[in-house]
Amino acid sequence: GTTQKTSSSSSPADKEQQDQEFRELLLKEANWTPPTTVSSKRKDYLSWDDYFMAMAFLTARRSKDPNTQVGACIVSPDKLILALG
């Protein structure tokens, strides 16, 4: 008798087919369809100035002295907060 040797490794095409089938099964089981359009950028967000002023305001609210509730937010030119106090 002749024996036929089977390989346990699969070709890249087989692997891609299995991956595709797995993705389809997941989508079917989750009852989910991928979005067809890319979402657009939000328009209702704070400006950088408003954001940093809000940070300074919140920092002032944490002051222990009720008479001098002052806050500061030091920001670098590339919009990184360097210090709050």
Protein backbone atom coordinates (compact mmCIF):
# COMPACT_ATOMS: atom_id res chain seq x y z
CA GLY A 1 0.00 0.00 0.00
CA THR A 2 0.89 3.53 -0.66
CA THR A 3 0.42 6.18 1.97
CA GLN A 4 -0.34 9.72 1.15
CA LYS A 5 1.42 12.33 3.26
CA THR A 6 -0.78 15.23 4.32
CA SER A 7 0.66 18.52 5.34
CA SER A 8 -0.65 20.25 8.44
CA SER A 9 0.39 23.67 7.17
CA SER A 10 -1.91 25.57 4.85
CA SER A 11 -1.08 27.93 2.03
CA PRO A 12 -1.43 31.71 2.46
CA ALA A 13 -4.49 31.61 0.19
CA ASP A 14 -6.13 28.99 2.45
CA LYS A 15 -5.31 31.08 5.51
CA GLU A 16 -6.82 34.20 3.90
CA GLN A 17 -9.97 32.23 3.01
CA GLN A 18 -10.28 30.97 6.60
CA ASP A 19 -9.80 34.49 7.96
CA GLN A 20 -12.48 35.84 5.62
CA GLU A 21 -14.92 33.10 6.64
CA PHE A 22 -14.20 33.80 10.31
CA ARG A 23 -14.85 37.55 9.85
CA GLU A 24 -18.12 36.83 8.05
CA LEU A 25 -19.20 34.46 10.83
CA LEU A 26 -18.40 37.05 13.50
CA LEU A 27 -20.36 39.75 11.69
CA LYS A 28 -23.31 37.40 11.21
CA GLU A 29 -23.33 36.23 14.84
CA ALA A 30 -22.98 39.78 16.19
CA ASN A 31 -25.67 41.03 13.80
CA TRP A 32 -23.37 43.92 12.93
CA THR A 33 -22.59 45.57 9.63
CA PRO A 34 -19.52 47.73 9.17
CA PRO A 35 -20.18 51.42 8.51
CA THR A 36 -20.26 52.37 4.87
CA THR A 37 -19.22 55.99 5.28
CA VAL A 38 -16.36 57.56 7.16
CA SER A 39 -17.56 59.82 9.94
CA SER A 40 -16.80 63.49 9.53
CA LYS A 41 -14.89 65.63 12.00
CA ARG A 42 -16.91 67.05 14.89
CA LYS A 43 -17.81 70.71 14.67
CA ASP A 44 -19.04 71.30 18.25
CA TYR A 45 -15.80 71.03 20.24
CA LEU A 46 -14.03 73.61 22.42
CA SER A 47 -11.38 75.85 20.96
CA TRP A 48 -7.89 75.43 22.45
CA ASP A 49 -8.23 78.79 24.25
CA ASP A 50 -11.55 77.79 25.81
CA TYR A 51 -10.12 74.41 26.80
CA PHE A 52 -7.10 75.92 28.57
CA MET A 53 -9.25 78.60 30.26
CA ALA A 54 -11.55 75.86 31.54
CA MET A 55 -8.52 74.01 32.94
CA ALA A 56 -7.42 77.19 34.76
CA PHE A 57 -10.96 77.71 36.09
CA LEU A 58 -11.17 74.14 37.39
CA THR A 59 -7.74 74.48 39.00
CA ALA A 60 -8.89 77.68 40.77
CA ARG A 61 -11.91 75.82 42.14
CA ARG A 62 -9.56 73.49 44.02
CA SER A 63 -7.95 76.36 45.94
CA LYS A 64 -8.01 75.98 49.73
CA ASP A 65 -8.31 79.74 50.29
CA PRO A 66 -11.83 80.98 49.42
CA ASN A 67 -10.57 84.59 49.07
CA THR A 68 -7.96 83.94 46.40
CA GLN A 69 -9.37 81.33 44.08
CA VAL A 70 -7.02 81.94 41.17
CA GLY A 71 -5.99 79.35 38.59
CA ALA A 72 -3.34 79.28 35.91
CA CYS A 73 -2.60 77.00 32.98
CA ILE A 74 0.83 77.35 31.36
CA VAL A 75 0.85 76.02 27.80
CA SER A 76 3.66 75.50 25.28
CA PRO A 77 3.38 76.82 21.70
CA ASP A 78 2.54 73.31 20.53
CA LYS A 79 -0.47 73.17 22.92
CA LEU A 80 1.01 71.00 25.65
CA ILE A 81 0.06 71.82 29.24
CA LEU A 82 3.27 72.51 31.10
CA ALA A 83 1.80 73.42 34.50
CA LEU A 84 -1.43 73.98 36.37
CA GLY A 85 -1.73 75.87 39.62
